[in-house]
Amino acid sequence: MQLSVAELAGAFPDFRVAAVVATELNISSTRPPELAARIAQTEADCRKRWAGKELSEIPGIAAWRRAYRAFGIKRTSYRSSVERLVKNVIAGRAIPEINSFVDAYNAISLAHVMPLGADDLDKVTGDVAFRFSRPGDTFVDMAADEGEDPNDPPKEGEVVYADDAHVLCRRWNWRQDARSLVTAQTRRAIVTVQFNGEGDLEKAAAELCDLIARFCNGQTRVAIAARDTPVIGLG
């Protein structure tokens, strides 16, 4: 299995991805107390650090706003996943409790102001890539409202994250497809830690691996894709 950023390397030279492959997972459907305490502290740190700041003044958010504009996304309703996370926490809302794996990577995303996303590897087909959308790409919106059609294919020229069968995430890191979500039944997963010029990618990936080991009993390995190494093996 491989991960590629080759299509984006020319247009977005700062883009780097740490792919964290986690195996032998034992994911809890509830948040362990120690993880809950870690997340509460991370939320408090976020509010203290960015109090009184406009979102556009936060370097990690500004970097992704620039990237979104560069591929034609101007609507404020379409923001990176990390911007939504930081905005909610600053407003006093807690990180939603999903499961120990998702909660752990959301904590890393908030702490480092980097977008993270994860997919159940047993629901991923073939290789994965950050690339531009193609005719025939499909996407099932995980957050479609009741009664809405969840089928929402990407627009032409949109940056997506996809496997060989369908789009895993629209608008780079805006929202995930419903078909490969990580649940308490997941035993293997891939997490992408996404850097676009701001932050410490290696540190964020290392901290994520620690949380996965502590709270999901998982084994992890990390590989980084970048402009100079656009295609990496994931084992």
Protein backbone atom coordinates (compact mmCIF):
# COMPACT_ATOMS: atom_id res chain seq x y z
CA MET A 1 0.00 0.00 0.00
CA GLN A 2 1.23 3.48 -0.89
CA LEU A 3 0.33 7.10 -0.15
CA SER A 4 0.98 9.78 -2.76
CA VAL A 5 1.02 13.58 -2.72
CA ALA A 6 2.57 13.75 -6.21
CA GLU A 7 -0.33 15.61 -7.87
CA LEU A 8 -0.19 18.41 -5.29
CA ALA A 9 3.57 18.78 -4.96
CA GLY A 10 3.94 21.46 -7.63
CA ALA A 11 1.01 23.65 -6.57
CA PHE A 12 1.50 23.18 -2.82
CA PRO A 13 5.23 22.70 -2.17
CA ASP A 14 4.93 23.09 1.62
CA PHE A 15 2.43 20.25 1.95
CA ARG A 16 3.71 17.29 3.97
CA VAL A 17 1.83 14.34 5.43
CA ALA A 18 2.77 12.01 8.24
CA ALA A 19 0.91 8.76 7.62
CA VAL A 20 0.46 6.87 10.87
CA VAL A 21 -0.58 3.25 10.36
CA ALA A 22 -2.02 1.76 13.54
CA THR A 23 -2.62 -1.97 14.01
CA GLU A 24 -3.78 -4.35 16.74
CA LEU A 25 -6.18 -1.68 17.95
CA ASN A 26 -8.48 -2.09 20.93
CA ILE A 27 -10.67 1.01 20.77
CA SER A 28 -12.96 1.96 23.63
CA SER A 29 -16.37 3.38 22.79
CA THR A 30 -16.05 5.64 25.83
CA ARG A 31 -13.32 8.14 26.73
CA PRO A 32 -10.87 6.78 29.34
CA PRO A 33 -10.48 9.11 32.36
CA GLU A 34 -6.78 9.78 31.71
CA LEU A 35 -7.53 10.71 28.09
CA ALA A 36 -10.43 12.87 29.25
CA ALA A 37 -8.09 14.76 31.55
CA ARG A 38 -5.55 15.19 28.74
CA ILE A 39 -8.23 16.55 26.40
CA ALA A 40 -9.62 18.92 29.03
CA GLN A 41 -6.13 20.36 29.56
CA THR A 42 -5.60 20.67 25.81
CA GLU A 43 -8.90 22.54 25.49
CA ALA A 44 -7.92 24.88 28.33
CA ASP A 45 -4.52 25.50 26.77
CA CYS A 46 -6.16 26.31 23.44
CA ARG A 47 -8.52 28.85 24.99
CA LYS A 48 -5.68 30.49 26.92
CA ARG A 49 -3.30 30.55 23.97
CA TRP A 50 -5.69 32.01 21.43
CA ALA A 51 -7.91 34.16 23.66
CA GLY A 52 -8.71 37.45 21.94
CA LYS A 53 -7.23 36.33 18.62
CA GLU A 54 -9.09 36.28 15.36
CA LEU A 55 -9.03 32.85 13.73
CA SER A 56 -7.19 34.39 10.79
CA GLU A 57 -4.35 35.34 13.15
CA ILE A 58 -3.68 31.73 14.19
CA PRO A 59 -0.81 30.54 11.98
CA GLY A 60 -2.04 26.97 11.51
CA ILE A 61 -5.49 28.18 10.47
CA ALA A 62 -4.18 30.95 8.22
CA ALA A 63 -2.03 28.42 6.34
CA TRP A 64 -5.05 26.29 5.49
CA ARG A 65 -7.19 29.27 4.53
CA ARG A 66 -4.51 30.18 2.00
CA ALA A 67 -4.42 26.63 0.68
CA TYR A 68 -8.21 26.49 0.35
CA ARG A 69 -8.29 29.76 -1.58
CA ALA A 70 -5.59 28.43 -3.88
CA PHE A 71 -7.88 25.66 -5.15
CA GLY A 72 -10.93 27.88 -5.38
CA ILE A 73 -12.67 27.55 -2.02
CA LYS A 74 -13.85 31.00 -0.95
CA ARG A 75 -17.04 30.24 0.98
CA THR A 76 -16.65 30.54 4.73
CA SER A 77 -18.91 27.51 5.20
CA TYR A 78 -16.05 25.35 3.90
CA ARG A 79 -13.18 25.44 6.38
CA SER A 80 -10.49 22.96 7.31
CA SER A 81 -11.35 20.46 10.02
CA VAL A 82 -8.82 22.02 12.40
CA GLU A 83 -10.35 25.48 12.01
CA ARG A 84 -13.76 24.14 13.00
CA LEU A 85 -12.22 22.31 15.95
CA VAL A 86 -10.33 25.35 17.25
CA LYS A 87 -13.31 27.65 16.69
CA ASN A 88 -15.61 25.39 18.71
CA VAL A 89 -13.18 25.01 21.59
CA ILE A 90 -12.47 28.74 21.81
CA ALA A 91 -16.25 29.26 21.93
CA GLY A 92 -16.41 27.01 25.00
CA ARG A 93 -17.58 23.81 23.35
CA ALA A 94 -15.78 20.57 24.21
CA ILE A 95 -14.32 18.12 21.71
CA PRO A 96 -17.17 15.66 21.00
CA GLU A 97 -16.74 12.22 22.55
CA ILE A 98 -16.62 9.64 19.72
CA ASN A 99 -14.28 6.84 20.80
CA SER A 100 -10.80 6.60 22.29
CA PHE A 101 -9.07 6.64 18.89
CA VAL A 102 -10.94 9.55 17.33
CA ASP A 103 -10.80 11.53 20.58
CA ALA A 104 -7.03 11.00 20.77
CA TYR A 105 -6.32 12.28 17.26
CA ASN A 106 -8.66 15.23 17.76
CA ALA A 107 -6.62 16.15 20.83
CA ILE A 108 -3.45 16.17 18.73
CA SER A 109 -5.15 18.21 16.02
CA LEU A 110 -6.21 20.83 18.57
CA ALA A 111 -2.84 20.95 20.33
CA HIS A 112 -0.82 21.36 17.13
CA VAL A 113 -3.41 23.22 15.04
CA MET A 114 -3.04 20.69 12.24
CA PRO A 115 -5.77 18.78 10.42
CA LEU A 116 -5.86 15.05 11.16
CA GLY A 117 -8.12 12.43 9.66
CA ALA A 118 -8.43 8.67 10.02
CA ASP A 119 -9.88 5.77 8.08
CA ASP A 120 -10.51 2.13 8.89
CA LEU A 121 -7.91 0.30 6.81
CA ASP A 122 -10.21 -2.68 6.30
CA LYS A 123 -12.59 -0.31 4.51
CA VAL A 124 -9.93 1.29 2.30
CA THR A 125 -9.33 -0.02 -1.22
CA GLY A 126 -5.84 -0.08 -2.71
CA ASP A 127 -3.55 2.94 -2.44
CA VAL A 128 -4.38 6.37 -1.06
CA ALA A 129 -3.54 9.83 -2.39
CA PHE A 130 -4.05 13.52 -1.87
CA ARG A 131 -4.92 14.64 -5.38
CA PHE A 132 -7.25 16.71 -7.51
CA SER A 133 -10.75 15.38 -8.09
CA ARG A 134 -11.56 13.30 -11.17
CA PRO A 135 -14.71 12.52 -13.15
CA GLY A 136 -16.52 9.65 -11.48
CA ASP A 137 -15.27 10.36 -7.94
CA THR A 138 -17.88 9.50 -5.33
CA PHE A 139 -18.34 10.77 -1.79
CA VAL A 140 -20.92 9.90 0.90
CA ASP A 141 -21.19 12.78 3.36
CA MET A 142 -20.83 11.57 6.96
CA ALA A 143 -22.69 14.65 8.23
CA ALA A 144 -25.65 14.75 5.87
CA ASP A 145 -28.82 15.81 7.65
CA GLU A 146 -31.73 13.39 7.94
CA GLY A 147 -33.64 13.35 4.68
CA GLU A 148 -30.73 14.77 2.69
CA ASP A 149 -29.05 12.80 -0.06
CA PRO A 150 -25.61 11.99 1.38
CA ASN A 151 -24.10 11.45 -2.07
CA ASP A 152 -22.07 14.59 -2.67
CA PRO A 153 -19.33 14.16 -5.31
CA PRO A 154 -16.48 16.68 -5.36
CA LYS A 155 -16.38 19.63 -7.72
CA GLU A 156 -13.90 19.76 -10.61
CA GLY A 157 -10.43 20.82 -9.47
CA GLU A 158 -11.13 20.22 -5.81
CA VAL A 159 -8.34 18.77 -3.65
CA VAL A 160 -9.44 15.44 -2.18
CA TYR A 161 -8.01 12.52 -0.25
CA ALA A 162 -9.00 9.27 -1.93
CA ASP A 163 -8.34 5.56 -2.24
CA ASP A 164 -8.62 3.56 -5.46
CA ALA A 165 -12.40 3.27 -5.14
CA HIS A 166 -13.74 6.56 -3.80
CA VAL A 167 -13.03 9.87 -2.07
CA LEU A 168 -12.19 9.52 1.62
CA CYS A 169 -12.27 13.24 2.40
CA ARG A 170 -13.59 16.22 0.44
CA ARG A 171 -11.98 19.66 0.20
CA TRP A 172 -8.61 18.31 1.36
CA ASN A 173 -9.58 17.92 5.01
CA TRP A 174 -13.04 19.40 5.29
CA ARG A 175 -15.21 16.33 5.89
CA GLN A 176 -14.81 12.55 5.77
CA ASP A 177 -16.68 9.94 3.78
CA ALA A 178 -19.12 7.87 5.83
CA ARG A 179 -17.90 4.53 4.50
CA SER A 180 -14.52 4.29 6.24
CA LEU A 181 -15.03 5.90 9.64
CA VAL A 182 -13.05 4.54 12.59
CA THR A 183 -15.31 2.87 15.14
CA ALA A 184 -14.88 0.74 18.25
CA GLN A 185 -14.81 -2.29 15.94
CA THR A 186 -11.82 -0.98 13.93
CA ARG A 187 -8.64 -3.04 14.30
CA ARG A 188 -6.43 -1.27 11.70
CA ALA A 189 -6.44 2.40 10.78
CA ILE A 190 -4.49 5.04 8.92
CA VAL A 191 -4.24 8.58 10.27
CA THR A 192 -2.97 11.46 8.16
CA VAL A 193 -1.31 14.33 10.05
CA GLN A 194 -1.31 17.22 7.59
CA PHE A 195 1.20 20.10 7.49
CA ASN A 196 1.08 23.12 5.21
CA GLY A 197 3.90 25.33 6.43
CA GLU A 198 3.06 25.80 10.12
CA GLY A 199 3.80 23.58 13.12
CA ASP A 200 5.97 20.60 14.02
CA LEU A 201 4.82 17.62 11.97
CA GLU A 202 7.21 15.08 13.46
CA LYS A 203 6.31 16.03 17.04
CA ALA A 204 2.58 15.84 16.32
CA ALA A 205 2.97 12.36 14.79
CA ALA A 206 5.08 11.15 17.71
CA GLU A 207 2.53 12.39 20.24
CA LEU A 208 -0.26 10.71 18.29
CA CYS A 209 1.60 7.39 18.34
CA ASP A 210 1.97 7.70 22.12
CA LEU A 211 -1.74 8.29 22.61
CA ILE A 212 -2.68 5.39 20.33
CA ALA A 213 -0.41 3.08 22.34
CA ARG A 214 -1.73 4.29 25.68
CA PHE A 215 -5.43 4.47 24.96
CA CYS A 216 -5.99 2.00 22.11
CA ASN A 217 -3.20 -0.53 22.79
CA GLY A 218 -2.11 -0.05 19.19
CA GLN A 219 1.15 -0.62 17.36
CA THR A 220 2.14 2.23 15.05
CA ARG A 221 4.55 3.07 12.26
CA VAL A 222 5.07 6.43 10.59
CA ALA A 223 6.08 7.50 7.09
CA ILE A 224 6.21 11.06 5.76
CA ALA A 225 5.29 12.15 2.23
CA ALA A 226 6.55 15.49 0.93
CA ARG A 227 7.50 17.26 -2.27
CA ASP A 228 10.87 15.50 -2.41
CA THR A 229 9.40 12.10 -1.45
CA PRO A 230 5.88 12.28 -2.93
CA VAL A 231 5.12 8.55 -2.84
CA ILE A 232 5.71 6.49 0.30
CA GLY A 233 5.13 2.85 1.19
CA LEU A 234 2.86 2.08 4.10
CA GLY A 235 3.63 -1.62 4.45
